[in-house]
Amino acid sequence: MPANQLTEDTLKSLSEVEADEPVVVSLFLNLNPSQFAVRPARASQITSLLSDLDALLSDSELSHDAAEALKADRERIESYLRADELDVDGAAGLALYSSSALDLFQVVALPEPVDASVRLDQRPILEPVMGLQDDGEWCVLLLTRDSARLFRGGPGRLREIRDIHSNVKNQHSAGGWSQARYERSVEREVEWHLEAVSELLLRSFQRRPFEHLIVGADEALRPAFDGEAHAYLTERIRGWVDVDEALANPDEVLEAVREVMDAQFEREEQELFERFSAELATGGRAAEGVPDVLAALVERKVETLLVKEGVQVAGTKCVTCGWLGPAGVARCPVDETVLDAVENIIEPAIQAAIQQAGAVHVVRRDGAQEPAAPFADPLAAVLRY
């Protein structure tokens, strides 16, 4: 069974999974090539994860039906992870979600390493994979004076979708004309080539828009392309790179543009932080702290949910209407249903944001350092209104 790519649709589907008792296994496999490039290293990690899963199953107070279903999950997970054809090509991590009781088994390839762990809960654990989704928002153009290659994808994978070759004469062969006339002819052919590439790229954008464009071209060619391309394209250029257009395969192209992608993600995070801080300072569209953010989620006001990585906060949830609140509340204020205690309200909050078409931004730790977030509490939010 091949691993799927992590997309918004995948997250939406997983966010809708919830059981009455903990029958959902979420397992995260670290495939960092610097640590787990060889099969024996991966096998040791898998053995450790399966042992952790056995401990969870033995310690949990489960109904008979749940225990039997989880035994089947345990067998299926081990069978998948131990398979000779385990699909790890190009992935830096895997997220595996399994629940026989809910007819769920989904494996997702991740573009970044994750901490190896296994969790047992009423719902899939989504926080470790948030921000790693790949919906083809990136386009990479590799350009020379007579050829071009077009790639689409994201931080996890690029795939080549088009190439174009133009008949441009060799600039250094006079061919019987005066050198000056010959070089002007060559330059016109290069301009025609850049025009054709720009039109191809614009048509591709119109069929399936992308948010970010990276161009691989030598220094001499960059101003000419920048002047030829439509404004829709130039306003999306996030950076320029040097890469051997003729030899680079998609993985090598992805590695070449990784720094530009990372810089863009950092800019977007900083812009989000600045917007949150400005709204909060003026009493505008922002919320901070678990009670206020959960209340905003209940009112479907959250545009972007901000979560500090690894936090756990107790809370409550109404099984009837989905109301979310802090720990210590006994009854739902909407319908008076007795509330369920939730060990970690962060995951239901993430689920709720996704189901409301809100964005979720997890503020990742930098090693052992605390994240440089403009809020102290585990949860914050930028609001729609």
Protein backbone atom coordinates (compact mmCIF):
# COMPACT_ATOMS: atom_id res chain seq x y z
CA MET A 1 0.00 0.00 0.00
CA PRO A 2 1.71 3.24 -1.10
CA ALA A 3 1.78 6.23 1.20
CA ASN A 4 -0.45 9.18 0.33
CA GLN A 5 0.68 12.78 0.15
CA LEU A 6 -0.51 15.08 2.92
CA THR A 7 -3.09 17.49 1.48
CA GLU A 8 -5.86 19.71 2.81
CA ASP A 9 -8.36 17.05 1.72
CA THR A 10 -6.47 14.43 3.73
CA LEU A 11 -6.53 16.62 6.82
CA LYS A 12 -10.22 17.39 6.36
CA SER A 13 -11.02 13.68 6.12
CA LEU A 14 -8.97 12.81 9.22
CA SER A 15 -10.46 15.72 11.19
CA GLU A 16 -13.90 14.14 10.86
CA VAL A 17 -12.83 10.86 12.52
CA GLU A 18 -13.88 10.49 16.16
CA ALA A 19 -14.88 7.54 18.34
CA ASP A 20 -16.61 7.15 21.69
CA GLU A 21 -13.51 5.54 23.22
CA PRO A 22 -9.79 5.49 22.31
CA VAL A 23 -9.66 3.15 19.32
CA VAL A 24 -7.56 5.25 16.94
CA VAL A 25 -3.83 4.54 16.68
CA SER A 26 -1.62 7.40 15.42
CA LEU A 27 1.95 6.30 14.74
CA PHE A 28 4.75 8.59 13.55
CA LEU A 29 7.87 7.13 11.95
CA ASN A 30 11.00 9.25 11.66
CA LEU A 31 12.76 8.68 8.32
CA ASN A 32 15.41 11.36 8.67
CA PRO A 33 18.04 10.17 6.17
CA SER A 34 20.89 11.19 8.47
CA GLN A 35 19.63 8.70 11.09
CA PHE A 36 17.39 6.15 9.38
CA ALA A 37 18.69 5.84 5.83
CA VAL A 38 19.36 2.10 6.23
CA ARG A 39 16.86 -0.65 6.93
CA PRO A 40 18.37 -1.87 10.26
CA ALA A 41 18.04 1.60 11.79
CA ARG A 42 14.40 1.80 10.69
CA ALA A 43 13.76 -1.73 11.98
CA SER A 44 15.02 -0.80 15.45
CA GLN A 45 12.75 2.26 15.53
CA ILE A 46 9.77 0.18 14.39
CA THR A 47 10.40 -2.41 17.12
CA SER A 48 10.49 0.35 19.73
CA LEU A 49 7.24 1.90 18.45
CA LEU A 50 5.45 -1.44 18.45
CA SER A 51 6.60 -2.05 22.03
CA ASP A 52 5.21 1.36 22.99
CA LEU A 53 1.93 0.45 21.30
CA ASP A 54 1.78 -2.84 23.23
CA ALA A 55 2.23 -0.89 26.47
CA LEU A 56 -0.59 1.50 25.55
CA LEU A 57 -2.92 -1.37 24.74
CA SER A 58 -2.16 -3.21 27.97
CA ASP A 59 -2.55 -0.11 30.15
CA SER A 60 -5.78 1.19 28.61
CA GLU A 61 -9.19 0.41 30.06
CA LEU A 62 -11.02 -0.68 26.93
CA SER A 63 -14.26 -2.43 26.18
CA HIS A 64 -14.00 -5.98 24.86
CA ASP A 65 -14.92 -4.88 21.32
CA ALA A 66 -12.37 -2.06 21.37
CA ALA A 67 -9.62 -4.35 22.62
CA GLU A 68 -10.31 -6.89 19.87
CA ALA A 69 -10.36 -4.17 17.21
CA LEU A 70 -7.06 -2.76 18.45
CA LYS A 71 -5.46 -6.21 18.32
CA ALA A 72 -6.31 -6.26 14.62
CA ASP A 73 -4.83 -2.77 14.28
CA ARG A 74 -1.63 -3.91 15.98
CA GLU A 75 -1.25 -6.79 13.53
CA ARG A 76 -1.99 -4.68 10.48
CA ILE A 77 0.42 -1.94 11.55
CA GLU A 78 3.26 -4.38 12.12
CA SER A 79 2.55 -6.12 8.81
CA TYR A 80 2.73 -2.81 6.99
CA LEU A 81 5.85 -1.53 8.72
CA ARG A 82 7.74 -4.82 8.42
CA ALA A 83 6.92 -5.30 4.73
CA ASP A 84 9.92 -5.51 2.40
CA GLU A 85 8.22 -3.08 0.04
CA LEU A 86 7.60 -0.41 2.70
CA ASP A 87 7.16 2.75 0.66
CA VAL A 88 9.58 5.32 2.14
CA ASP A 89 11.06 6.69 -1.09
CA GLY A 90 11.47 10.45 -0.82
CA ALA A 91 9.69 10.70 2.55
CA ALA A 92 11.36 12.16 5.64
CA GLY A 93 8.63 10.75 7.86
CA LEU A 94 5.44 8.70 7.86
CA ALA A 95 2.19 9.23 9.73
CA LEU A 96 0.08 6.09 10.06
CA TYR A 97 -3.53 6.22 11.25
CA SER A 98 -5.35 2.98 12.00
CA SER A 99 -8.69 2.10 13.53
CA SER A 100 -10.34 -1.18 12.62
CA ALA A 101 -13.35 -0.12 14.67
CA LEU A 102 -13.85 2.88 12.34
CA ASP A 103 -12.63 1.21 9.14
CA LEU A 104 -9.63 3.54 8.95
CA PHE A 105 -6.12 2.75 7.71
CA GLN A 106 -4.22 5.63 6.15
CA VAL A 107 -0.51 6.16 5.66
CA VAL A 108 0.76 9.63 4.83
CA ALA A 109 4.25 10.54 3.56
CA LEU A 110 5.73 13.60 5.23
CA PRO A 111 8.30 15.99 3.72
CA GLU A 112 9.96 16.70 7.09
CA PRO A 113 11.18 14.38 9.86
CA VAL A 114 8.88 13.87 12.85
CA ASP A 115 9.60 12.61 16.33
CA ALA A 116 8.93 8.89 16.46
CA SER A 117 5.91 8.24 18.67
CA VAL A 118 2.66 6.31 18.93
CA ARG A 119 -0.60 7.55 20.45
CA LEU A 120 -3.94 5.98 21.28
CA ASP A 121 -6.90 8.35 21.28
CA GLN A 122 -10.51 8.85 20.26
CA ARG A 123 -9.32 10.77 17.18
CA PRO A 124 -6.32 10.93 14.83
CA ILE A 125 -3.48 13.03 16.25
CA LEU A 126 -2.91 15.83 13.73
CA GLU A 127 -0.67 18.38 15.47
CA PRO A 128 2.65 16.72 14.42
CA VAL A 129 1.75 16.92 10.71
CA MET A 130 0.16 20.38 10.55
CA GLY A 131 1.97 22.69 8.15
CA LEU A 132 3.46 19.81 6.17
CA GLN A 133 0.64 19.49 3.64
CA ASP A 134 1.43 19.58 -0.08
CA ASP A 135 -1.30 20.93 -2.36
CA GLY A 136 0.83 21.94 -5.33
CA GLU A 137 1.09 25.59 -4.29
CA TRP A 138 4.66 25.81 -5.58
CA CYS A 139 5.85 26.03 -9.18
CA VAL A 140 9.49 25.76 -10.24
CA LEU A 141 10.68 26.86 -13.68
CA LEU A 142 14.13 25.84 -14.92
CA LEU A 143 15.06 28.09 -17.80
CA THR A 144 17.86 28.32 -20.37
CA ARG A 145 18.18 30.29 -23.62
CA ASP A 146 16.59 27.47 -25.62
CA SER A 147 14.75 25.18 -23.17
CA ALA A 148 12.56 25.14 -20.08
CA ARG A 149 11.24 22.58 -17.60
CA LEU A 150 8.21 23.09 -15.39
CA PHE A 151 7.65 21.45 -11.98
CA ARG A 152 4.69 21.57 -9.57
CA GLY A 153 4.41 20.42 -5.99
CA GLY A 154 5.43 21.52 -2.53
CA PRO A 155 8.01 20.98 0.19
CA GLY A 156 7.48 17.22 0.10
CA ARG A 157 7.71 16.50 -3.60
CA LEU A 158 8.08 18.08 -7.02
CA ARG A 159 6.95 16.47 -10.24
CA GLU A 160 7.85 17.55 -13.75
CA ILE A 161 4.78 18.47 -15.77
CA ARG A 162 6.06 20.10 -18.97
CA ASP A 163 9.17 20.87 -20.95
CA ILE A 164 9.78 23.05 -23.98
CA HIS A 165 12.63 23.33 -26.48
CA SER A 166 13.16 26.14 -28.98
CA ASN A 167 15.39 26.26 -32.02
CA VAL A 168 17.86 28.96 -30.99
CA LYS A 169 21.05 29.26 -33.02
CA ASN A 170 24.46 29.04 -31.42
CA GLN A 171 25.42 32.56 -30.42
CA HIS A 172 29.12 31.98 -31.12
CA SER A 173 28.87 30.81 -34.75
CA ALA A 174 28.61 33.60 -37.28
CA GLY A 175 27.46 31.29 -40.05
CA GLY A 176 28.36 33.65 -42.90
CA TRP A 177 26.59 36.77 -41.66
CA SER A 178 28.36 39.62 -39.98
CA GLN A 179 28.79 38.83 -36.32
CA ALA A 180 26.61 41.75 -35.13
CA ARG A 181 23.66 40.85 -37.39
CA TYR A 182 23.97 37.22 -36.43
CA GLU A 183 23.95 37.97 -32.69
CA ARG A 184 20.87 40.19 -33.06
CA SER A 185 19.14 37.30 -34.81
CA VAL A 186 20.07 34.98 -31.97
CA GLU A 187 18.77 37.43 -29.37
CA ARG A 188 15.43 37.70 -31.20
CA GLU A 189 15.13 33.91 -31.11
CA VAL A 190 15.88 33.94 -27.39
CA GLU A 191 13.15 36.57 -26.90
CA TRP A 192 10.70 34.38 -28.84
CA HIS A 193 11.68 31.44 -26.66
CA LEU A 194 11.12 33.43 -23.44
CA GLU A 195 7.77 34.62 -24.78
CA ALA A 196 6.72 31.03 -25.50
CA VAL A 197 7.83 29.90 -22.03
CA SER A 198 5.98 32.79 -20.37
CA GLU A 199 2.79 31.96 -22.27
CA LEU A 200 3.08 28.28 -21.30
CA LEU A 201 3.61 29.20 -17.65
CA LEU A 202 0.66 31.62 -17.68
CA ARG A 203 -1.65 28.98 -19.21
CA SER A 204 -0.53 26.50 -16.55
CA PHE A 205 -1.26 29.08 -13.83
CA GLN A 206 -4.70 29.85 -15.28
CA ARG A 207 -5.62 26.15 -15.36
CA ARG A 208 -4.35 25.49 -11.86
CA PRO A 209 -3.20 28.55 -9.90
CA PHE A 210 -0.12 28.40 -7.69
CA GLU A 211 0.94 30.74 -4.90
CA HIS A 212 4.72 30.62 -5.23
CA LEU A 213 7.14 30.57 -8.17
CA ILE A 214 10.87 29.84 -8.12
CA VAL A 215 12.92 30.37 -11.27
CA GLY A 216 16.18 28.60 -12.00
CA ALA A 217 18.10 30.65 -14.56
CA ASP A 218 21.55 32.18 -14.97
CA GLU A 219 22.12 35.81 -14.02
CA ALA A 220 22.11 37.04 -17.63
CA LEU A 221 18.69 35.54 -18.39
CA ARG A 222 16.82 36.67 -15.28
CA PRO A 223 16.07 40.31 -16.26
CA ALA A 224 14.83 39.22 -19.70
CA PHE A 225 12.40 36.69 -18.24
CA ASP A 226 11.29 39.14 -15.54
CA GLY A 227 10.45 41.67 -18.24
CA GLU A 228 8.64 39.14 -20.43
CA ALA A 229 6.49 37.35 -17.84
CA HIS A 230 2.95 38.43 -16.95
CA ALA A 231 2.46 40.35 -13.70
CA TYR A 232 0.47 37.40 -12.31
CA LEU A 233 3.70 35.41 -12.50
CA THR A 234 6.31 37.97 -11.47
CA GLU A 235 4.39 38.90 -8.32
CA ARG A 236 4.63 35.27 -7.25
CA ILE A 237 8.40 34.90 -7.72
CA ARG A 238 9.86 34.03 -4.31
CA GLY A 239 13.45 33.55 -5.39
CA TRP A 240 15.99 32.63 -8.07
CA VAL A 241 18.33 29.65 -8.00
CA ASP A 242 21.21 28.21 -9.99
CA VAL A 243 20.63 24.61 -11.02
CA ASP A 244 21.81 22.44 -13.91
CA GLU A 245 18.63 22.41 -15.98
CA ALA A 246 19.74 19.56 -18.21
CA LEU A 247 20.77 17.09 -15.51
CA ALA A 248 18.68 17.81 -12.41
CA ASN A 249 16.00 15.27 -11.49
CA PRO A 250 12.96 16.30 -9.38
CA ASP A 251 14.63 15.40 -6.08
CA GLU A 252 17.70 17.47 -6.96
CA VAL A 253 15.50 20.38 -8.00
CA LEU A 254 13.63 20.18 -4.70
CA GLU A 255 16.91 20.26 -2.81
CA ALA A 256 18.07 23.26 -4.84
CA VAL A 257 14.94 25.29 -4.02
CA ARG A 258 14.57 24.19 -0.39
CA GLU A 259 16.24 27.30 1.00
CA VAL A 260 13.86 29.57 -0.92
CA MET A 261 10.85 27.61 0.35
CA ASP A 262 12.07 27.76 3.95
CA ALA A 263 12.63 31.52 3.69
CA GLN A 264 9.08 31.99 2.38
CA PHE A 265 7.61 29.93 5.23
CA GLU A 266 9.53 32.06 7.73
CA ARG A 267 8.22 35.27 6.12
CA GLU A 268 4.65 33.98 6.23
CA GLU A 269 4.99 33.04 9.90
CA GLN A 270 6.43 36.45 10.76
CA GLU A 271 3.60 38.20 8.89
CA LEU A 272 1.07 36.06 10.77
CA PHE A 273 2.68 36.93 14.11
CA GLU A 274 2.71 40.65 13.26
CA ARG A 275 -0.95 40.56 12.25
CA PHE A 276 -1.93 38.72 15.44
CA SER A 277 0.03 41.16 17.63
CA ALA A 278 -1.50 44.21 15.92
CA GLU A 279 -5.06 42.87 16.23
CA LEU A 280 -4.56 41.90 19.87
CA ALA A 281 -3.06 45.27 20.77
CA THR A 282 -6.06 47.12 19.39
CA GLY A 283 -8.70 44.76 20.72
CA GLY A 284 -9.43 43.60 17.20
CA ARG A 285 -9.79 40.23 15.55
CA ALA A 286 -7.58 38.13 17.79
CA ALA A 287 -7.96 35.82 20.78
CA GLU A 288 -5.42 34.46 23.24
CA GLY A 289 -5.70 31.78 25.88
CA VAL A 290 -7.50 28.45 25.92
CA PRO A 291 -10.96 29.66 27.12
CA ASP A 292 -11.17 32.55 24.65
CA VAL A 293 -9.88 30.56 21.68
CA LEU A 294 -12.21 27.63 22.36
CA ALA A 295 -15.11 30.07 22.60
CA ALA A 296 -14.12 31.55 19.22
CA LEU A 297 -14.03 28.06 17.72
CA VAL A 298 -17.51 27.33 19.05
CA GLU A 299 -18.70 30.54 17.38
CA ARG A 300 -16.88 29.56 14.16
CA LYS A 301 -14.92 32.81 14.19
CA VAL A 302 -11.38 31.40 13.84
CA GLU A 303 -9.52 32.21 10.63
CA THR A 304 -6.13 30.86 11.79
CA LEU A 305 -5.58 28.76 14.90
CA LEU A 306 -2.13 29.21 16.47
CA VAL A 307 -0.82 26.25 18.47
CA LYS A 308 2.43 25.85 20.34
CA GLU A 309 4.09 22.56 19.47
CA GLY A 310 3.79 19.75 21.98
CA VAL A 311 1.41 21.46 24.41
CA GLN A 312 -1.22 19.48 26.29
CA VAL A 313 -4.14 21.13 28.04
CA ALA A 314 -7.13 19.44 29.66
CA GLY A 315 -10.57 20.49 28.51
CA THR A 316 -14.15 19.43 28.01
CA LYS A 317 -16.31 18.58 25.02
CA CYS A 318 -20.01 18.07 24.42
CA VAL A 319 -20.74 14.85 22.57
CA THR A 320 -24.10 16.21 21.45
CA CYS A 321 -23.29 19.56 19.86
CA GLY A 322 -19.47 19.59 19.80
CA TRP A 323 -19.08 22.52 22.23
CA LEU A 324 -15.51 22.92 23.46
CA GLY A 325 -14.47 24.43 26.77
CA PRO A 326 -11.78 24.47 29.45
CA ALA A 327 -11.47 21.85 32.16
CA GLY A 328 -13.81 22.05 35.12
CA VAL A 329 -17.03 22.86 33.27
CA ALA A 330 -19.70 20.27 34.13
CA ARG A 331 -22.50 20.86 31.64
CA CYS A 332 -22.72 22.18 28.10
CA PRO A 333 -24.00 25.79 28.15
CA VAL A 334 -25.83 25.14 24.88
CA ASP A 335 -27.87 22.01 25.60
CA GLU A 336 -27.09 21.10 29.25
CA THR A 337 -25.46 17.78 28.24
CA VAL A 338 -22.98 16.42 30.77
CA LEU A 339 -19.58 17.20 29.26
CA ASP A 340 -16.85 14.66 28.54
CA ALA A 341 -13.45 15.36 30.04
CA VAL A 342 -10.76 15.56 27.36
CA GLU A 343 -7.17 14.88 28.39
CA ASN A 344 -5.79 17.17 25.68
CA ILE A 345 -8.19 19.71 24.18
CA ILE A 346 -5.61 20.78 21.57
CA GLU A 347 -6.51 18.00 19.14
CA PRO A 348 -10.29 18.68 19.21
CA ALA A 349 -9.45 22.37 18.70
CA ILE A 350 -7.38 21.51 15.62
CA GLN A 351 -10.18 19.30 14.32
CA ALA A 352 -12.72 22.06 14.81
CA ALA A 353 -10.57 24.62 12.99
CA ILE A 354 -10.08 22.33 10.00
CA GLN A 355 -13.77 21.48 9.81
CA GLN A 356 -14.55 25.21 9.73
CA ALA A 357 -12.11 25.72 6.82
CA GLY A 358 -9.76 27.58 9.15
CA ALA A 359 -6.00 27.39 8.90
CA VAL A 360 -3.89 25.80 11.63
CA HIS A 361 -0.37 27.06 12.28
CA VAL A 362 1.77 25.08 14.71
CA VAL A 363 4.64 27.12 16.14
CA ARG A 364 7.49 24.63 16.08
CA ARG A 365 10.23 24.57 18.66
CA ASP A 366 13.77 25.36 17.56
CA GLY A 367 15.55 22.41 19.12
CA ALA A 368 15.15 22.71 22.89
CA GLN A 369 14.31 26.42 22.67
CA GLU A 370 10.83 27.75 23.26
CA PRO A 371 9.14 29.02 20.08
CA ALA A 372 9.43 32.75 19.51
CA ALA A 373 5.66 33.25 19.41
CA PRO A 374 3.95 36.55 20.27
CA PHE A 375 1.66 34.78 22.76
CA ALA A 376 2.36 32.99 26.02
CA ASP A 377 -0.61 30.63 26.17
CA PRO A 378 -0.84 27.27 24.37
CA LEU A 379 -3.54 28.58 22.00
CA ALA A 380 -4.16 31.82 20.16
CA ALA A 381 -6.13 32.77 17.06
CA VAL A 382 -6.60 35.32 14.34
CA LEU A 383 -10.34 35.78 13.89
CA ARG A 384 -12.54 36.25 10.87
CA TYR A 385 -14.67 38.89 12.61
